[in-house]
Amino acid sequence: MQATPEEKASWPAPNFDDPESCGEVLVALTALTLTLVLIFTGVRFYGKGILRQVLGLDDWIMLVAAV
């Protein structure tokens, strides 16, 4: 469905000189995600590797994927 010329005329003008940016939000979400991945990977390796001493192929694949 295309916008009509009247609808397009009511839209605000684009701001090419000082556009809004959400870079800070993306950096924060990326840092949070990385932190959670490292925590969960560390807990898994601690629980299975140190406490139970049973690391399988799935654990090593998860480590590679986390890196």
Protein backbone atom coordinates (compact mmCIF):
# COMPACT_ATOMS: atom_id res chain seq x y z
CA MET A 1 0.00 0.00 0.00
CA GLN A 2 1.50 3.30 -1.12
CA ALA A 3 1.15 6.56 0.76
CA THR A 4 -0.96 9.18 -0.94
CA PRO A 5 0.58 12.55 -1.86
CA GLU A 6 -1.45 14.18 0.93
CA GLU A 7 0.00 11.75 3.49
CA LYS A 8 3.52 12.35 2.20
CA ALA A 9 3.02 16.12 2.46
CA SER A 10 2.12 15.77 6.15
CA TRP A 11 5.36 13.93 6.99
CA PRO A 12 8.14 15.96 8.71
CA ALA A 13 11.10 17.04 6.62
CA PRO A 14 14.12 14.70 6.82
CA ASN A 15 16.98 15.85 9.03
CA PHE A 16 20.16 15.23 7.05
CA ASP A 17 22.31 17.76 8.96
CA ASP A 18 21.90 16.34 12.48
CA PRO A 19 20.16 12.95 12.28
CA GLU A 20 19.15 11.10 15.43
CA SER A 21 21.44 8.23 16.34
CA CYS A 22 20.91 5.17 18.50
CA GLY A 23 24.58 4.18 18.55
CA GLU A 24 24.87 4.42 22.33
CA VAL A 25 21.93 2.06 22.79
CA LEU A 26 23.45 -0.46 20.37
CA VAL A 27 26.81 -0.34 22.16
CA ALA A 28 25.12 -0.82 25.54
CA LEU A 29 23.03 -3.77 24.32
CA THR A 30 26.07 -5.37 22.69
CA ALA A 31 28.11 -4.99 25.90
CA LEU A 32 25.26 -6.44 27.96
CA THR A 33 24.87 -9.40 25.61
CA LEU A 34 28.62 -10.08 25.63
CA THR A 35 28.68 -9.92 29.43
CA LEU A 36 25.80 -12.39 29.72
CA VAL A 37 27.39 -14.79 27.22
CA LEU A 38 30.67 -14.74 29.13
CA ILE A 39 28.92 -15.27 32.48
CA PHE A 40 26.82 -18.20 31.24
CA THR A 41 29.78 -19.79 29.44
CA GLY A 42 31.95 -19.39 32.55
CA VAL A 43 29.29 -20.92 34.80
CA ARG A 44 28.85 -23.85 32.42
CA PHE A 45 32.58 -24.54 32.22
CA TYR A 46 32.90 -24.20 35.99
CA GLY A 47 30.02 -26.56 36.64
CA LYS A 48 30.81 -29.19 34.05
CA GLY A 49 34.58 -28.81 33.80
CA ILE A 50 35.71 -28.24 37.34
CA LEU A 51 32.95 -29.71 39.51
CA ARG A 52 31.87 -32.69 37.39
CA GLN A 53 34.99 -32.94 35.20
CA VAL A 54 32.88 -33.90 32.19
CA LEU A 55 33.35 -31.61 29.20
CA GLY A 56 31.87 -32.77 25.92
CA LEU A 57 32.08 -31.64 22.34
CA ASP A 58 29.03 -29.42 22.84
CA ASP A 59 30.88 -27.45 25.51
CA TRP A 60 33.84 -26.76 23.23
CA ILE A 61 31.56 -25.79 20.35
CA MET A 62 29.75 -23.39 22.69
CA LEU A 63 33.09 -21.88 23.72
CA VAL A 64 34.10 -21.35 20.10
CA ALA A 65 30.72 -19.79 19.32
CA ALA A 66 31.00 -17.49 22.34
CA VAL A 67 34.40 -16.27 21.19
